[in-house]
Amino acid sequence: MSDRPLSPTARSTLKRGRRRARIDRADLHAVLDAGLVCHLGVVLRGAPVVLPTGYGRVDDVLYLHGSTGAATLRAAAAGAPVCVTVTLLDGIVYARSVFHHSMNYRSAVVHGTARPVTDRGEQLTGLRAIVEHLAPGSWSHARLPDGKEMAATAVLAVDLAEASVKIRTGPPGDEDRDIADPAYWAGVLPLHTHWGAPEPCPRLAPGTPVPAHVHTRSATRTTSSPPDAAGGRNPSETVP
């Protein structure tokens, strides 16, 4: 499935801003890999609930986890349809008119049914993917979960078969009448997320060094890079 393009369904077909749609599965993977937090949506007792959570990807499977007592995860594991979204904000678009103000962003929306992972080997694979996505290098550095911790943890798998990707880049799409008026400023205010210096736990033994994998992550300038980070952009993406 990884080499196949996205095939929009009735739920995943974009109705607005279709020119921003991406059908390359690599674009879906790129958005998911660049994000750190997803939002899991599920209907619980007749009302929608959307919660932020960490995630990890292995090929075309998205792994989520949480407490076995969490009502949302229990509903998802029981077969309730889920919607998982990831959004990366790359900048605010200042237009000459308030109507055309916008955002530059990358987003992914995944529809499907979560599959409860019961096989111990796949559970560990899913948990490793989540840990390594959020904190690379930690799976081989920190203590692995014991039997009690595994029993208290629910792992869910969501197939990436039904998904959509939407990306906006570039300047505002102002009206010609506003472009001709020199009174208004227009442009993009980029947004970059960066890591700070590691802050040791106050209960850490004195002299304990910061491990190399944390230093490496801290030295990374941003948590994600928008597609036009090198200065290029897709002219078709200049619509508001």
C-alpha atoms as a PDB file:
ATOM      1  CA  MET A   1       0.000   0.000   0.000  1.00  0.00           C
ATOM      2  CA  SER A   2       2.886   2.400   0.677  1.00  0.00           C
ATOM      3  CA  ASP A   3       3.541   2.920  -3.055  1.00  0.00           C
ATOM      4  CA  ARG A   4      -0.074   3.582  -3.960  1.00  0.00           C
ATOM      5  CA  PRO A   5      -1.478   7.113  -4.224  1.00  0.00           C
ATOM      6  CA  LEU A   6      -4.251   8.182  -1.886  1.00  0.00           C
ATOM      7  CA  SER A   7      -7.659   7.202  -3.221  1.00  0.00           C
ATOM      8  CA  PRO A   8     -10.184   9.673  -1.772  1.00  0.00           C
ATOM      9  CA  THR A   9     -13.442   8.234  -0.480  1.00  0.00           C
ATOM     10  CA  ALA A  10     -16.698  10.060   0.180  1.00  0.00           C
ATOM     11  CA  ARG A  11     -15.409  10.945   3.649  1.00  0.00           C
ATOM     12  CA  SER A  12     -11.903  11.930   2.639  1.00  0.00           C
ATOM     13  CA  THR A  13     -12.618  13.857  -0.566  1.00  0.00           C
ATOM     14  CA  LEU A  14     -11.927  17.564  -0.099  1.00  0.00           C
ATOM     15  CA  LYS A  15     -14.889  19.814  -0.748  1.00  0.00           C
ATOM     16  CA  ARG A  16     -13.163  23.155  -0.154  1.00  0.00           C
ATOM     17  CA  GLY A  17      -9.730  24.235  -1.377  1.00  0.00           C
ATOM     18  CA  ARG A  18      -9.342  21.215  -3.653  1.00  0.00           C
ATOM     19  CA  ARG A  19      -6.206  22.673  -5.244  1.00  0.00           C
ATOM     20  CA  ARG A  20      -4.466  22.194  -1.911  1.00  0.00           C
ATOM     21  CA  ALA A  21      -5.136  18.464  -1.887  1.00  0.00           C
ATOM     22  CA  ARG A  22      -2.245  16.017  -2.162  1.00  0.00           C
ATOM     23  CA  ILE A  23      -2.772  12.491  -3.433  1.00  0.00           C
ATOM     24  CA  ASP A  24       0.780  11.200  -3.046  1.00  0.00           C
ATOM     25  CA  ARG A  25       0.976   8.833  -0.096  1.00  0.00           C
ATOM     26  CA  ALA A  26       4.478  10.175   0.586  1.00  0.00           C
ATOM     27  CA  ASP A  27       2.879  13.528   1.458  1.00  0.00           C
ATOM     28  CA  LEU A  28       0.676  11.788   4.021  1.00  0.00           C
ATOM     29  CA  HIS A  29       3.685  10.085   5.555  1.00  0.00           C
ATOM     30  CA  ALA A  30       5.620  13.369   5.593  1.00  0.00           C
ATOM     31  CA  VAL A  31       2.907  15.218   7.514  1.00  0.00           C
ATOM     32  CA  LEU A  32       2.500  12.408  10.034  1.00  0.00           C
ATOM     33  CA  ASP A  33       6.250  12.070  10.508  1.00  0.00           C
ATOM     34  CA  ALA A  34       6.691  15.824  11.021  1.00  0.00           C
ATOM     35  CA  GLY A  35       3.926  16.140  13.620  1.00  0.00           C
ATOM     36  CA  LEU A  36       4.175  15.210  17.269  1.00  0.00           C
ATOM     37  CA  VAL A  37       0.580  15.310  18.494  1.00  0.00           C
ATOM     38  CA  CYS A  38      -2.525  13.994  16.797  1.00  0.00           C
ATOM     39  CA  HIS A  39      -6.160  14.498  17.725  1.00  0.00           C
ATOM     40  CA  LEU A  40      -8.283  11.377  18.058  1.00  0.00           C
ATOM     41  CA  GLY A  41     -11.983  11.909  17.428  1.00  0.00           C
ATOM     42  CA  VAL A  42     -14.618   9.368  18.417  1.00  0.00           C
ATOM     43  CA  VAL A  43     -18.310   9.482  19.327  1.00  0.00           C
ATOM     44  CA  LEU A  44     -18.750   8.623  22.993  1.00  0.00           C
ATOM     45  CA  ARG A  45     -22.215   8.181  24.476  1.00  0.00           C
ATOM     46  CA  GLY A  46     -23.757  10.035  21.557  1.00  0.00           C
ATOM     47  CA  ALA A  47     -21.422  13.046  21.624  1.00  0.00           C
ATOM     48  CA  PRO A  48     -18.172  13.690  19.742  1.00  0.00           C
ATOM     49  CA  VAL A  49     -14.970  13.693  21.798  1.00  0.00           C
ATOM     50  CA  VAL A  50     -11.635  14.866  20.399  1.00  0.00           C
ATOM     51  CA  LEU A  51      -8.495  14.325  22.451  1.00  0.00           C
ATOM     52  CA  PRO A  52      -4.810  15.108  21.783  1.00  0.00           C
ATOM     53  CA  THR A  53      -2.392  12.213  22.066  1.00  0.00           C
ATOM     54  CA  GLY A  54       0.964  10.930  20.898  1.00  0.00           C
ATOM     55  CA  TYR A  55       1.288   8.501  18.029  1.00  0.00           C
ATOM     56  CA  GLY A  56       3.734   6.532  15.938  1.00  0.00           C
ATOM     57  CA  ARG A  57       3.748   5.257  12.359  1.00  0.00           C
ATOM     58  CA  VAL A  58       5.010   1.975  10.942  1.00  0.00           C
ATOM     59  CA  ASP A  59       4.554   1.927   7.167  1.00  0.00           C
ATOM     60  CA  ASP A  60       0.804   2.431   6.603  1.00  0.00           C
ATOM     61  CA  VAL A  61      -0.301   1.778  10.169  1.00  0.00           C
ATOM     62  CA  LEU A  62      -0.732   4.483  12.792  1.00  0.00           C
ATOM     63  CA  TYR A  63      -0.364   3.361  16.411  1.00  0.00           C
ATOM     64  CA  LEU A  64      -2.056   5.037  19.378  1.00  0.00           C
ATOM     65  CA  HIS A  65      -1.964   4.132  23.031  1.00  0.00           C
ATOM     66  CA  GLY A  66      -3.497   4.999  26.371  1.00  0.00           C
ATOM     67  CA  SER A  67      -4.939   3.603  29.556  1.00  0.00           C
ATOM     68  CA  THR A  68      -7.073   0.474  29.251  1.00  0.00           C
ATOM     69  CA  GLY A  69      -9.610   2.360  31.380  1.00  0.00           C
ATOM     70  CA  ALA A  70      -9.907   5.329  29.002  1.00  0.00           C
ATOM     71  CA  ALA A  71     -13.471   5.527  27.719  1.00  0.00           C
ATOM     72  CA  THR A  72     -12.415   6.934  24.339  1.00  0.00           C
ATOM     73  CA  LEU A  73      -9.939   4.136  23.664  1.00  0.00           C
ATOM     74  CA  ARG A  74     -12.418   1.522  24.826  1.00  0.00           C
ATOM     75  CA  ALA A  75     -15.036   2.907  22.436  1.00  0.00           C
ATOM     76  CA  ALA A  76     -12.534   2.954  19.589  1.00  0.00           C
ATOM     77  CA  ALA A  77     -11.386  -0.569  20.373  1.00  0.00           C
ATOM     78  CA  ALA A  78     -15.017  -1.712  20.338  1.00  0.00           C
ATOM     79  CA  GLY A  79     -15.366  -0.647  16.713  1.00  0.00           C
ATOM     80  CA  ALA A  80     -16.592   2.961  16.840  1.00  0.00           C
ATOM     81  CA  PRO A  81     -15.437   4.915  13.750  1.00  0.00           C
ATOM     82  CA  VAL A  82     -12.497   7.190  14.476  1.00  0.00           C
ATOM     83  CA  CYS A  83     -10.975  10.247  12.863  1.00  0.00           C
ATOM     84  CA  VAL A  84      -7.324  11.083  13.508  1.00  0.00           C
ATOM     85  CA  THR A  85      -5.950  14.485  12.498  1.00  0.00           C
ATOM     86  CA  VAL A  86      -2.506  16.074  12.478  1.00  0.00           C
ATOM     87  CA  THR A  87      -1.977  19.768  11.706  1.00  0.00           C
ATOM     88  CA  LEU A  88       1.293  21.655  11.302  1.00  0.00           C
ATOM     89  CA  LEU A  89       1.113  25.453  11.284  1.00  0.00           C
ATOM     90  CA  ASP A  90       3.852  27.018   9.139  1.00  0.00           C
ATOM     91  CA  GLY A  91       2.810  30.662   9.175  1.00  0.00           C
ATOM     92  CA  ILE A  92       0.080  33.281   9.275  1.00  0.00           C
ATOM     93  CA  VAL A  93      -0.885  34.845   5.953  1.00  0.00           C
ATOM     94  CA  TYR A  94      -1.529  38.599   6.180  1.00  0.00           C
ATOM     95  CA  ALA A  95      -3.681  39.769   3.295  1.00  0.00           C
ATOM     96  CA  ARG A  96      -4.768  43.175   2.055  1.00  0.00           C
ATOM     97  CA  SER A  97      -8.328  42.301   3.045  1.00  0.00           C
ATOM     98  CA  VAL A  98      -9.469  40.541   6.190  1.00  0.00           C
ATOM     99  CA  PHE A  99     -11.415  38.100   4.003  1.00  0.00           C
ATOM    100  CA  HIS A 100      -8.224  36.695   2.498  1.00  0.00           C
ATOM    101  CA  HIS A 101      -6.220  36.354   5.724  1.00  0.00           C
ATOM    102  CA  SER A 102      -5.236  32.718   6.064  1.00  0.00           C
ATOM    103  CA  MET A 103      -2.643  30.250   7.323  1.00  0.00           C
ATOM    104  CA  ASN A 104       0.101  28.236   5.685  1.00  0.00           C
ATOM    105  CA  TYR A 105      -0.240  24.715   6.979  1.00  0.00           C
ATOM    106  CA  ARG A 106       0.049  20.996   6.366  1.00  0.00           C
ATOM    107  CA  SER A 107      -2.732  18.717   7.549  1.00  0.00           C
ATOM    108  CA  ALA A 108      -3.674  15.065   7.418  1.00  0.00           C
ATOM    109  CA  VAL A 109      -7.055  13.530   8.218  1.00  0.00           C
ATOM    110  CA  VAL A 110      -7.369   9.765   8.643  1.00  0.00           C
ATOM    111  CA  HIS A 111     -10.709   7.943   8.768  1.00  0.00           C
ATOM    112  CA  GLY A 112     -11.193   4.376   9.805  1.00  0.00           C
ATOM    113  CA  THR A 113     -11.818   1.862  12.543  1.00  0.00           C
ATOM    114  CA  ALA A 114      -9.186   1.272  15.177  1.00  0.00           C
ATOM    115  CA  ARG A 115      -7.978  -2.267  15.673  1.00  0.00           C
ATOM    116  CA  PRO A 116      -7.092  -3.305  19.233  1.00  0.00           C
ATOM    117  CA  VAL A 117      -3.589  -4.771  19.247  1.00  0.00           C
ATOM    118  CA  THR A 118      -3.487  -7.919  21.362  1.00  0.00           C
ATOM    119  CA  ASP A 119      -0.354  -9.643  20.079  1.00  0.00           C
ATOM    120  CA  ARG A 120       2.495  -8.870  22.495  1.00  0.00           C
ATOM    121  CA  GLY A 121       5.042  -8.521  19.714  1.00  0.00           C
ATOM    122  CA  GLU A 122       2.934  -5.989  17.810  1.00  0.00           C
ATOM    123  CA  GLN A 123       2.111  -4.168  21.039  1.00  0.00           C
ATOM    124  CA  LEU A 124       5.815  -3.616  21.605  1.00  0.00           C
ATOM    125  CA  THR A 125       6.266  -2.612  17.960  1.00  0.00           C
ATOM    126  CA  GLY A 126       3.502  -0.021  18.309  1.00  0.00           C
ATOM    127  CA  LEU A 127       4.772   1.333  21.623  1.00  0.00           C
ATOM    128  CA  ARG A 128       8.301   1.563  20.264  1.00  0.00           C
ATOM    129  CA  ALA A 129       7.022   3.513  17.252  1.00  0.00           C
ATOM    130  CA  ILE A 130       5.226   5.961  19.551  1.00  0.00           C
ATOM    131  CA  VAL A 131       8.208   6.433  21.875  1.00  0.00           C
ATOM    132  CA  GLU A 132      10.717   6.790  19.042  1.00  0.00           C
ATOM    133  CA  HIS A 133       8.476   9.265  17.234  1.00  0.00           C
ATOM    134  CA  LEU A 134       8.175  11.527  20.278  1.00  0.00           C
ATOM    135  CA  ALA A 135      11.614  10.967  21.817  1.00  0.00           C
ATOM    136  CA  PRO A 136      14.048   9.305  19.362  1.00  0.00           C
ATOM    137  CA  GLY A 137      16.618   7.080  21.037  1.00  0.00           C
ATOM    138  CA  SER A 138      14.619   6.541  24.219  1.00  0.00           C
ATOM    139  CA  TRP A 139      13.475   2.961  23.522  1.00  0.00           C
ATOM    140  CA  SER A 140      17.029   1.674  23.831  1.00  0.00           C
ATOM    141  CA  HIS A 141      17.925   4.045  26.689  1.00  0.00           C
ATOM    142  CA  ALA A 142      15.017   3.914  29.152  1.00  0.00           C
ATOM    143  CA  ARG A 143      13.558   0.914  31.006  1.00  0.00           C
ATOM    144  CA  LEU A 144      11.065  -1.012  28.880  1.00  0.00           C
ATOM    145  CA  PRO A 145       7.501  -1.594  30.171  1.00  0.00           C
ATOM    146  CA  ASP A 146       7.002  -4.481  32.566  1.00  0.00           C
ATOM    147  CA  GLY A 147       4.062  -6.875  32.644  1.00  0.00           C
ATOM    148  CA  LYS A 148       1.942  -4.709  34.927  1.00  0.00           C
ATOM    149  CA  GLU A 149       2.488  -1.638  32.773  1.00  0.00           C
ATOM    150  CA  MET A 150       1.684  -3.547  29.605  1.00  0.00           C
ATOM    151  CA  ALA A 151      -1.545  -4.839  31.156  1.00  0.00           C
ATOM    152  CA  ALA A 152      -2.604  -1.256  31.916  1.00  0.00           C
ATOM    153  CA  THR A 153      -1.839  -0.008  28.404  1.00  0.00           C
ATOM    154  CA  ALA A 154      -4.149  -0.235  25.422  1.00  0.00           C
ATOM    155  CA  VAL A 155      -2.552  -0.140  21.976  1.00  0.00           C
ATOM    156  CA  LEU A 156      -4.669   0.643  18.922  1.00  0.00           C
ATOM    157  CA  ALA A 157      -3.769   0.407  15.241  1.00  0.00           C
ATOM    158  CA  VAL A 158      -5.390   2.596  12.588  1.00  0.00           C
ATOM    159  CA  ASP A 159      -4.864   1.731   8.931  1.00  0.00           C
ATOM    160  CA  LEU A 160      -3.915   4.646   6.690  1.00  0.00           C
ATOM    161  CA  ALA A 161      -5.993   3.405   3.762  1.00  0.00           C
ATOM    162  CA  GLU A 162      -8.556   6.233   3.987  1.00  0.00           C
ATOM    163  CA  ALA A 163      -6.905   9.601   4.410  1.00  0.00           C
ATOM    164  CA  SER A 164      -6.610  13.076   2.937  1.00  0.00           C
ATOM    165  CA  VAL A 165      -3.785  15.607   2.908  1.00  0.00           C
ATOM    166  CA  LYS A 166      -4.173  19.348   2.510  1.00  0.00           C
ATOM    167  CA  ILE A 167      -1.318  21.837   2.224  1.00  0.00           C
ATOM    168  CA  ARG A 168      -1.273  25.599   1.790  1.00  0.00           C
ATOM    169  CA  THR A 169       1.892  27.562   1.001  1.00  0.00           C
ATOM    170  CA  GLY A 170       2.725  30.962  -0.415  1.00  0.00           C
ATOM    171  CA  PRO A 171       1.438  34.545  -0.171  1.00  0.00           C
ATOM    172  CA  PRO A 172      -2.167  35.739   0.114  1.00  0.00           C
ATOM    173  CA  GLY A 173      -4.573  35.474  -2.788  1.00  0.00           C
ATOM    174  CA  ASP A 174      -5.796  39.067  -2.754  1.00  0.00           C
ATOM    175  CA  GLU A 175      -8.220  40.679  -5.166  1.00  0.00           C
ATOM    176  CA  ASP A 176      -6.714  42.793  -7.943  1.00  0.00           C
ATOM    177  CA  ARG A 177      -8.451  45.885  -6.613  1.00  0.00           C
ATOM    178  CA  ASP A 178      -6.685  45.476  -3.256  1.00  0.00           C
ATOM    179  CA  ILE A 179      -3.307  44.648  -4.802  1.00  0.00           C
ATOM    180  CA  ALA A 180      -3.450  47.955  -6.659  1.00  0.00           C
ATOM    181  CA  ASP A 181      -3.946  49.866  -3.396  1.00  0.00           C
ATOM    182  CA  PRO A 182      -0.552  50.676  -1.787  1.00  0.00           C
ATOM    183  CA  ALA A 183      -2.150  51.352   1.600  1.00  0.00           C
ATOM    184  CA  TYR A 184      -2.166  47.714   2.672  1.00  0.00           C
ATOM    185  CA  TRP A 185       0.742  45.483   3.681  1.00  0.00           C
ATOM    186  CA  ALA A 186       0.540  41.824   2.765  1.00  0.00           C
ATOM    187  CA  GLY A 187       2.808  38.838   3.279  1.00  0.00           C
ATOM    188  CA  VAL A 188       3.527  35.825   5.445  1.00  0.00           C
ATOM    189  CA  LEU A 189       4.748  35.659   9.033  1.00  0.00           C
ATOM    190  CA  PRO A 190       6.511  32.268   9.221  1.00  0.00           C
ATOM    191  CA  LEU A 191       6.245  30.131  12.325  1.00  0.00           C
ATOM    192  CA  HIS A 192       9.102  27.839  13.406  1.00  0.00           C
ATOM    193  CA  THR A 193       9.094  25.497  16.400  1.00  0.00           C
ATOM    194  CA  HIS A 194      12.466  24.840  18.020  1.00  0.00           C
ATOM    195  CA  TRP A 195      13.812  22.761  20.888  1.00  0.00           C
ATOM    196  CA  GLY A 196      15.280  24.390  23.977  1.00  0.00           C
ATOM    197  CA  ALA A 197      18.111  23.276  26.232  1.00  0.00           C
ATOM    198  CA  PRO A 198      17.489  20.020  28.176  1.00  0.00           C
ATOM    199  CA  GLU A 199      16.189  20.590  31.717  1.00  0.00           C
ATOM    200  CA  PRO A 200      17.301  17.782  34.087  1.00  0.00           C
ATOM    201  CA  CYS A 201      14.803  16.255  36.493  1.00  0.00           C
ATOM    202  CA  PRO A 202      15.379  17.757  39.988  1.00  0.00           C
ATOM    203  CA  ARG A 203      15.635  14.213  41.420  1.00  0.00           C
ATOM    204  CA  LEU A 204      18.356  13.214  38.955  1.00  0.00           C
ATOM    205  CA  ALA A 205      21.610  12.092  40.581  1.00  0.00           C
ATOM    206  CA  PRO A 206      24.183  14.917  40.516  1.00  0.00           C
ATOM    207  CA  GLY A 207      26.581  14.672  37.608  1.00  0.00           C
ATOM    208  CA  THR A 208      24.319  12.497  35.443  1.00  0.00           C
ATOM    209  CA  PRO A 209      25.130  13.553  31.879  1.00  0.00           C
ATOM    210  CA  VAL A 210      22.545  14.365  29.254  1.00  0.00           C
ATOM    211  CA  PRO A 211      22.488  11.358  26.881  1.00  0.00           C
ATOM    212  CA  ALA A 212      23.579  11.769  23.291  1.00  0.00           C
ATOM    213  CA  HIS A 213      20.117  11.191  21.822  1.00  0.00           C
ATOM    214  CA  VAL A 214      18.710  14.090  23.865  1.00  0.00           C
ATOM    215  CA  HIS A 215      21.596  16.349  22.848  1.00  0.00           C
ATOM    216  CA  THR A 216      20.981  15.436  19.217  1.00  0.00           C
ATOM    217  CA  ARG A 217      17.282  16.289  19.453  1.00  0.00           C
ATOM    218  CA  SER A 218      18.003  19.544  21.275  1.00  0.00           C
ATOM    219  CA  ALA A 219      20.399  20.623  18.528  1.00  0.00           C
ATOM    220  CA  THR A 220      17.699  20.216  15.873  1.00  0.00           C
ATOM    221  CA  ARG A 221      16.569  23.683  14.852  1.00  0.00           C
ATOM    222  CA  THR A 222      12.932  22.904  14.205  1.00  0.00           C
ATOM    223  CA  THR A 223      10.544  20.046  14.840  1.00  0.00           C
ATOM    224  CA  SER A 224       9.364  20.180  11.250  1.00  0.00           C
ATOM    225  CA  SER A 225      10.174  21.825   7.955  1.00  0.00           C
ATOM    226  CA  PRO A 226       7.464  23.165   5.660  1.00  0.00           C
ATOM    227  CA  PRO A 227       7.703  22.241   1.979  1.00  0.00           C
ATOM    228  CA  ASP A 228       8.804  25.760   1.015  1.00  0.00           C
ATOM    229  CA  ALA A 229      11.437  26.071   3.751  1.00  0.00           C
ATOM    230  CA  ALA A 230      14.182  26.358   1.150  1.00  0.00           C
ATOM    231  CA  GLY A 231      12.524  29.375  -0.397  1.00  0.00           C
ATOM    232  CA  GLY A 232      10.526  27.712  -3.139  1.00  0.00           C
ATOM    233  CA  ARG A 233       6.766  27.454  -3.332  1.00  0.00           C
ATOM    234  CA  ASN A 234       4.063  26.078  -5.517  1.00  0.00           C
ATOM    235  CA  PRO A 235       2.417  28.982  -7.376  1.00  0.00           C
ATOM    236  CA  SER A 236      -0.876  27.097  -7.405  1.00  0.00           C
ATOM    237  CA  GLU A 237      -0.961  27.369  -3.633  1.00  0.00           C
ATOM    238  CA  THR A 238      -1.382  31.125  -3.530  1.00  0.00           C
ATOM    239  CA  VAL A 239      -5.139  30.911  -3.163  1.00  0.00           C
ATOM    240  CA  PRO A 240      -6.564  31.927   0.248  1.00  0.00           C
END
